[in-house]
Structure formats: C-alpha cells, structure tokens
C-alpha cells in the first residue's frame, strides 16, 4: 500500500469511531503501517579518509567524495563506523546533538574551527542496538562525531541536515567477529540508512613520508597490498580479507594495527550476493597510505 492509500484508509478508520476502530484487526493495521518504514536499498560506502586536512582542503579526493554523493539517494540517516572510535565493547552514539570532536593535534587552527552540526538520532541508535544480538550494545551520550566521520561526511552532505550516529569498534574482538556483527545491521539499508565505514585500507603512519604528505605515490609494498585487497574486494573474496594476517609481508606492513582496516570489513559484510562494487579515489599518498574508497550497490 502506498502512502496516499494508507492515509485515506486511516482517515476512514478514524471516522468509524473508537469502538469500531478498536475492533479492527490490529494485524491488518500493522500491515498498512509497516511499509512506510521501508525504502529502496541504500548503497554502502567505505571511505579512505586520509589526513584530517582533507576536511578543509580542495583536492581530488574531496571531489571524489562529492561526486559519489551524487550517485546516492539522499539518506534518512547515516551510521558511520570510524577508525577513530575504539572501545572495549560496542557502543552507538545516542544523543540529539553530537559534538564535533577534533581528535588530532599539530594541525592549523582553521581545522579546529570546523564544526559539523549534524543532528544525532537516538531512535536509530536504539534500533541499531535492537538488531544486534551478537553482543550487548551500549547507548553512548559522550562521544559525538570524530574526524573519521565528520571530515568526510561534510563533503557528502555539506548542509549537515542528515542525522548521523557512530558505532564503535571493539578493539578486543577478531576481524571475523566484526564482520559477523556488521551483518546484523544489514536491514538498516532498507530503512534509508547510509552505512559508511571510514578508515584507510593501507595505513602505516610510522612509514609515512611526512614531507611528501600531499604527493600521490606509494611504496612498493603499499601498492602490492592495495592491489591484492582490490582484487579480493572485486572477486567477493571476503574470507581472504577477514584473514588479512595470512596474506604476507605487504599486508603486515599495510595493516600494522587494524583500526583503520576494520571499517572495510563492516562495509563488505553488508554486501548482498552479486551486488556490484565501484572503486574510486584509488591512489596512494605519502608512500604508506591509500585513499582507496568503494561504493557497494
């Protein structure tokens, strides 16, 4: 039933009077209401967020973020899994007005002045919590939006008019655990929720060429790892990506710690069979980072 038909039916029901309405089969009423919560299936993103300076710079990567937003229906809400919110246990932000967190140092004051005043969504936080049975999910009212979220979402939706919540990464759990947990929120795609993983699939800050931070080049091992990861992604070989510690030296150098890689697994876990993947922003920067991003669906 479409929205117009539903409203006409509801008006007719109310005209019957309270006793007749109460006698109506509630199951039938629920059938009329339920479709209003459903939408066409939203795509899923993984965004290589790179340096916080991408929040205020004009470059090919932020243009890539803006361009990909044009290919996506405007979402009802956004759920972001950012590399920069690691916790013991799993949490979702549940406040009405999440603060903009400047969780970095050593950057210009202009960057610290940036605010992204998108509203939160306690309702989406509660719904996300209800979907996850793999663990108890906590409702958090202290965190907000870290730069893994706002520095990229601001380019997709600069008006900050879409509710955003974040889901944390439990640093005590395995990659397989994170992949399976993410699968439990897949139904949000059909509620108009854009789910975004934000990190970098190659991310080794110890080996970054800091004096060449704005230059697009990669060390041999970084390019090797990035190419293999892309092949696994395009082949749908999620098992190899989950078991990244078995993929050799290039992967070990590309992923010295997993927090920037795990958001990729959250995004891939939401992919349906035969769903296409589009790669964009597929370049290395400063030797040891890649901005490779993808859209599923």
Protein backbone atom coordinates (compact mmCIF):
# COMPACT_ATOMS: atom_id res chain seq x y z
CA UNK A 1 0.00 0.00 0.00
CA UNK A 2 1.37 3.43 -0.93
CA UNK A 3 1.43 6.40 1.41
CA UNK A 4 -1.62 8.11 -0.13
CA UNK A 5 -3.74 4.97 0.13
CA UNK A 6 -2.60 4.43 3.71
CA UNK A 7 -3.66 7.94 4.75
CA UNK A 8 -7.09 7.52 3.12
CA UNK A 9 -7.55 4.20 4.92
CA UNK A 10 -6.50 5.71 8.23
CA UNK A 11 -8.95 8.61 7.83
CA UNK A 12 -11.76 6.15 7.09
CA UNK A 13 -10.80 4.10 10.12
CA UNK A 14 -10.91 7.11 12.42
CA UNK A 15 -14.33 8.08 11.01
CA UNK A 16 -15.74 4.75 12.19
CA UNK A 17 -15.48 5.83 15.79
CA UNK A 18 -13.38 4.47 18.67
CA UNK A 19 -15.31 1.25 19.26
CA UNK A 20 -15.28 0.14 15.65
CA UNK A 21 -11.65 1.12 15.31
CA UNK A 22 -10.74 -0.87 18.36
CA UNK A 23 -12.47 -3.88 16.91
CA UNK A 24 -10.49 -3.74 13.69
CA UNK A 25 -7.87 -6.42 13.33
CA UNK A 26 -4.66 -4.81 14.59
CA UNK A 27 -2.66 -7.14 12.43
CA UNK A 28 -4.19 -5.56 9.32
CA UNK A 29 -3.45 -2.08 10.62
CA UNK A 30 0.18 -3.04 11.19
CA UNK A 31 0.39 -4.28 7.61
CA UNK A 32 -0.64 -0.82 6.44
CA UNK A 33 1.84 1.00 8.66
CA UNK A 34 4.89 -1.22 8.18
CA UNK A 35 5.71 -0.37 4.53
CA UNK A 36 6.10 3.31 5.39
CA UNK A 37 9.34 2.48 7.18
CA UNK A 38 10.87 0.76 4.17
CA UNK A 39 12.83 2.33 1.34
CA UNK A 40 14.74 1.12 -1.66
CA UNK A 41 18.00 -0.45 -0.56
CA UNK A 42 20.66 2.15 0.16
CA UNK A 43 24.23 1.68 -1.08
CA UNK A 44 27.08 1.18 1.38
CA UNK A 45 30.32 3.17 1.40
CA UNK A 46 33.85 2.65 2.57
CA UNK A 47 35.75 5.94 2.53
CA UNK A 48 39.51 6.30 2.75
CA UNK A 49 39.56 9.42 4.91
CA UNK A 50 43.31 10.11 4.99
CA UNK A 51 44.62 13.27 6.65
CA UNK A 52 42.24 15.46 8.69
CA UNK A 53 43.33 18.27 6.37
CA UNK A 54 41.03 16.79 3.73
CA UNK A 55 38.25 18.44 5.72
CA UNK A 56 39.38 21.90 4.62
CA UNK A 57 41.47 21.31 1.51
CA UNK A 58 40.26 21.22 -2.07
CA UNK A 59 41.77 18.19 -3.81
CA UNK A 60 40.90 15.22 -6.00
CA UNK A 61 39.85 13.11 -3.03
CA UNK A 62 37.25 15.51 -1.64
CA UNK A 63 35.94 15.93 -5.18
CA UNK A 64 35.63 12.14 -5.27
CA UNK A 65 33.56 12.24 -2.08
CA UNK A 66 31.27 14.91 -3.52
CA UNK A 67 30.88 13.04 -6.80
CA UNK A 68 29.94 9.76 -5.14
CA UNK A 69 27.23 11.55 -3.10
CA UNK A 70 25.55 12.50 -6.38
CA UNK A 71 25.09 8.79 -7.15
CA UNK A 72 23.29 8.05 -3.87
CA UNK A 73 19.68 8.83 -2.91
CA UNK A 74 19.56 11.29 -0.04
CA UNK A 75 19.52 9.11 3.09
CA UNK A 76 17.15 9.36 6.03
CA UNK A 77 20.14 8.93 8.35
CA UNK A 78 23.79 7.89 8.39
CA UNK A 79 25.53 5.27 10.51
CA UNK A 80 29.32 5.60 10.46
CA UNK A 81 31.91 3.12 11.70
CA UNK A 82 35.07 5.18 12.14
CA UNK A 83 38.63 4.01 12.75
CA UNK A 84 38.88 6.67 15.44
CA UNK A 85 36.38 5.31 17.95
CA UNK A 86 37.82 2.19 19.55
CA UNK A 87 36.20 0.88 22.73
CA UNK A 88 36.01 -2.19 24.91
CA UNK A 89 32.55 -3.36 23.96
CA UNK A 90 30.30 -1.96 21.24
CA UNK A 91 28.55 1.39 21.53
CA UNK A 92 26.40 3.68 19.40
CA UNK A 93 26.07 7.42 19.89
CA UNK A 94 22.58 8.23 21.12
CA UNK A 95 22.48 11.99 21.71
CA UNK A 96 20.33 14.52 19.88
CA UNK A 97 23.22 16.90 19.12
CA UNK A 98 26.57 15.10 18.77
CA UNK A 99 29.57 17.42 19.23
CA UNK A 100 32.25 17.76 16.58
CA UNK A 101 35.36 16.11 18.02
CA UNK A 102 38.79 17.42 16.99
CA UNK A 103 40.68 14.26 17.90
CA UNK A 104 44.08 15.21 16.50
CA UNK A 105 46.96 17.59 17.10
CA UNK A 106 49.55 19.62 15.23
CA UNK A 107 47.22 20.98 12.56
CA UNK A 108 46.27 24.58 11.70
CA UNK A 109 43.75 26.43 13.85
CA UNK A 110 41.43 26.64 10.83
CA UNK A 111 40.89 22.90 11.10
CA UNK A 112 39.99 23.11 14.80
CA UNK A 113 37.45 25.80 13.98
CA UNK A 114 35.42 23.46 11.77
CA UNK A 115 32.07 22.36 13.17
CA UNK A 116 29.74 19.81 11.61
CA UNK A 117 26.44 20.33 13.46
CA UNK A 118 24.50 17.37 12.08
CA UNK A 119 21.78 16.11 14.43
CA UNK A 120 22.01 12.72 16.06
CA UNK A 121 19.28 10.09 16.14
CA UNK A 122 18.53 8.38 19.45
CA UNK A 123 15.84 6.39 17.62
CA UNK A 124 18.32 4.98 15.10
CA UNK A 125 20.73 4.22 17.95
CA UNK A 126 18.03 2.21 19.74
CA UNK A 127 17.04 0.43 16.54
CA UNK A 128 20.68 -0.49 15.86
CA UNK A 129 21.01 -1.79 19.40
CA UNK A 130 17.87 -3.92 18.97
CA UNK A 131 19.18 -5.51 15.77
CA UNK A 132 22.47 -6.68 17.25
CA UNK A 133 22.25 -9.92 19.21
CA UNK A 134 25.94 -10.83 19.00
CA UNK A 135 26.76 -8.54 21.92
CA UNK A 136 25.14 -6.04 24.25
CA UNK A 137 25.32 -2.61 22.61
CA UNK A 138 25.67 0.43 24.83
CA UNK A 139 23.96 3.77 24.14
CA UNK A 140 26.64 6.45 24.40
CA UNK A 141 25.95 10.14 25.11
CA UNK A 142 29.55 11.38 25.45
CA UNK A 143 31.43 10.72 22.21
CA UNK A 144 29.97 12.63 19.24
CA UNK A 145 31.41 12.74 15.71
CA UNK A 146 35.17 12.20 15.37
CA UNK A 147 37.17 13.27 12.34
CA UNK A 148 36.87 9.85 10.75
CA UNK A 149 33.18 10.69 10.40
CA UNK A 150 32.74 14.45 10.00
CA UNK A 151 35.82 15.16 7.85
CA UNK A 152 34.36 13.05 5.02
CA UNK A 153 30.60 13.29 5.62
CA UNK A 154 30.85 17.09 5.40
CA UNK A 155 31.84 16.71 1.74
CA UNK A 156 28.96 14.34 1.01
CA UNK A 157 26.34 16.41 2.82
CA UNK A 158 27.69 19.91 3.49
CA UNK A 159 24.39 21.22 4.88
CA UNK A 160 24.68 18.91 7.92
CA UNK A 161 20.96 18.22 7.61
CA UNK A 162 21.04 14.42 7.87
CA UNK A 163 21.13 12.70 11.28
CA UNK A 164 24.41 10.90 11.96
CA UNK A 165 25.27 8.27 14.55
CA UNK A 166 28.54 6.41 15.06
CA UNK A 167 29.14 2.80 16.04
CA UNK A 168 32.37 1.98 17.85
CA UNK A 169 34.94 -0.72 17.10
CA UNK A 170 35.57 -3.18 19.94
CA UNK A 171 39.38 -3.48 19.95
CA UNK A 172 39.23 -6.77 21.88
CA UNK A 173 37.48 -8.70 19.09
CA UNK A 174 38.62 -10.57 15.98
CA UNK A 175 38.09 -9.49 12.36
CA UNK A 176 35.63 -12.37 11.92
CA UNK A 177 33.65 -11.10 14.90
CA UNK A 178 33.41 -7.60 13.42
CA UNK A 179 32.31 -8.96 10.04
CA UNK A 180 29.55 -11.05 11.63
CA UNK A 181 28.40 -8.20 13.86
CA UNK A 182 28.08 -5.88 10.86
CA UNK A 183 25.87 -8.41 9.06
CA UNK A 184 23.27 -7.97 11.79
CA UNK A 185 22.56 -4.36 10.81
CA UNK A 186 22.06 -5.07 7.10
CA UNK A 187 18.31 -4.40 7.31
CA UNK A 188 19.03 -0.72 8.01
CA UNK A 189 19.88 -0.38 4.32
CA UNK A 190 16.17 -0.79 3.61
CA UNK A 191 15.26 1.93 6.11
CA UNK A 192 17.01 4.70 4.21
CA UNK A 193 20.19 4.47 6.31
CA UNK A 194 23.51 5.07 4.58
CA UNK A 195 26.15 2.96 6.34
CA UNK A 196 29.71 4.25 5.99
CA UNK A 197 32.96 2.61 7.02
CA UNK A 198 35.71 5.22 7.37
CA UNK A 199 39.40 4.32 7.57
CA UNK A 200 42.23 3.51 5.15
CA UNK A 201 42.95 0.05 3.80
CA UNK A 202 46.68 0.82 3.72
CA UNK A 203 47.66 2.86 6.78
CA UNK A 204 51.16 2.82 8.24
CA UNK A 205 51.89 6.15 9.92
CA UNK A 206 55.38 5.06 11.01
CA UNK A 207 56.41 4.78 7.37
CA UNK A 208 54.61 7.85 6.02
CA UNK A 209 56.77 10.34 4.12
CA UNK A 210 55.60 13.34 6.15
CA UNK A 211 57.46 15.88 3.99
CA UNK A 212 55.58 14.50 0.98
CA UNK A 213 52.17 14.27 2.60
CA UNK A 214 50.36 15.81 -0.37
CA UNK A 215 52.13 13.75 -3.01
CA UNK A 216 50.39 10.81 -4.67
CA UNK A 217 52.84 7.93 -4.59
CA UNK A 218 53.14 4.61 -2.79
CA UNK A 219 55.95 2.36 -1.68
CA UNK A 220 56.16 -0.97 -3.44
CA UNK A 221 54.68 -2.91 -0.52
CA UNK A 222 51.79 -0.41 -0.19
CA UNK A 223 50.87 -0.74 -3.85
CA UNK A 224 51.17 -4.53 -3.70
CA UNK A 225 48.85 -4.74 -0.69
CA UNK A 226 46.39 -2.27 -2.17
CA UNK A 227 46.23 -4.18 -5.47
CA UNK A 228 45.67 -7.51 -3.73
CA UNK A 229 42.98 -6.03 -1.50
CA UNK A 230 41.18 -4.60 -4.52
CA UNK A 231 41.27 -7.96 -6.28
CA UNK A 232 39.81 -9.69 -3.23
CA UNK A 233 37.12 -7.00 -2.98
CA UNK A 234 36.12 -7.20 -6.64
CA UNK A 235 36.19 -11.03 -6.57
CA UNK A 236 33.96 -11.07 -3.48
CA UNK A 237 36.68 -12.95 -1.58
CA UNK A 238 35.77 -11.67 1.85
CA UNK A 239 37.40 -14.62 3.58
CA UNK A 240 40.86 -13.55 2.40
CA UNK A 241 40.21 -10.02 3.61
CA UNK A 242 38.98 -11.21 7.00
CA UNK A 243 42.11 -13.35 7.33
CA UNK A 244 44.41 -10.49 6.40
CA UNK A 245 47.13 -11.68 8.78
CA UNK A 246 47.66 -14.68 6.48
CA UNK A 247 48.33 -12.63 3.35
CA UNK A 248 52.06 -11.97 3.70
CA UNK A 249 54.54 -9.19 4.38
CA UNK A 250 52.90 -6.48 2.24
CA UNK A 251 49.66 -6.85 4.22
CA UNK A 252 51.56 -6.81 7.51
CA UNK A 253 53.18 -3.52 6.57
CA UNK A 254 49.92 -2.10 5.25
CA UNK A 255 47.99 -3.02 8.41
CA UNK A 256 50.37 -2.73 11.39
CA UNK A 257 47.31 -2.13 13.59
CA UNK A 258 43.77 -2.99 12.46
CA UNK A 259 41.64 0.01 13.43
CA UNK A 260 41.80 1.72 10.02
CA UNK A 261 41.23 -1.56 8.17
CA UNK A 262 38.30 -2.97 10.14
CA UNK A 263 35.76 -0.42 8.84
CA UNK A 264 36.30 -2.01 5.42
CA UNK A 265 35.06 -5.32 6.83
CA UNK A 266 31.97 -3.62 8.25
CA UNK A 267 31.13 -2.30 4.78
CA UNK A 268 31.84 -5.55 2.95
CA UNK A 269 29.74 -7.54 5.42
CA UNK A 270 26.68 -5.63 4.16
CA UNK A 271 27.18 -6.63 0.53
CA UNK A 272 24.47 -8.81 -0.97
CA UNK A 273 25.19 -11.58 -3.46
CA UNK A 274 26.00 -10.25 -6.95
CA UNK A 275 25.96 -6.64 -5.73
CA UNK A 276 28.41 -4.52 -7.71
CA UNK A 277 31.35 -2.64 -6.20
CA UNK A 278 32.65 0.64 -7.56
CA UNK A 279 36.16 1.79 -6.61
CA UNK A 280 37.08 5.47 -6.50
CA UNK A 281 39.82 7.73 -5.04
CA UNK A 282 42.13 4.79 -5.72
CA UNK A 283 45.54 6.38 -5.13
CA UNK A 284 48.37 6.13 -2.63
CA UNK A 285 49.63 9.21 -0.79
CA UNK A 286 52.83 9.88 1.14
CA UNK A 287 54.13 6.39 0.41
CA UNK A 288 52.29 4.48 3.12
CA UNK A 289 48.60 5.45 2.88
CA UNK A 290 45.95 4.70 0.28
CA UNK A 291 42.76 6.69 -0.21
CA UNK A 292 41.04 3.79 -1.98
CA UNK A 293 37.30 4.01 -1.40
CA UNK A 294 34.33 2.00 -2.61
CA UNK A 295 30.59 2.06 -3.12
CA UNK A 296 28.56 -1.14 -2.82
CA UNK A 297 25.24 -1.18 -4.66
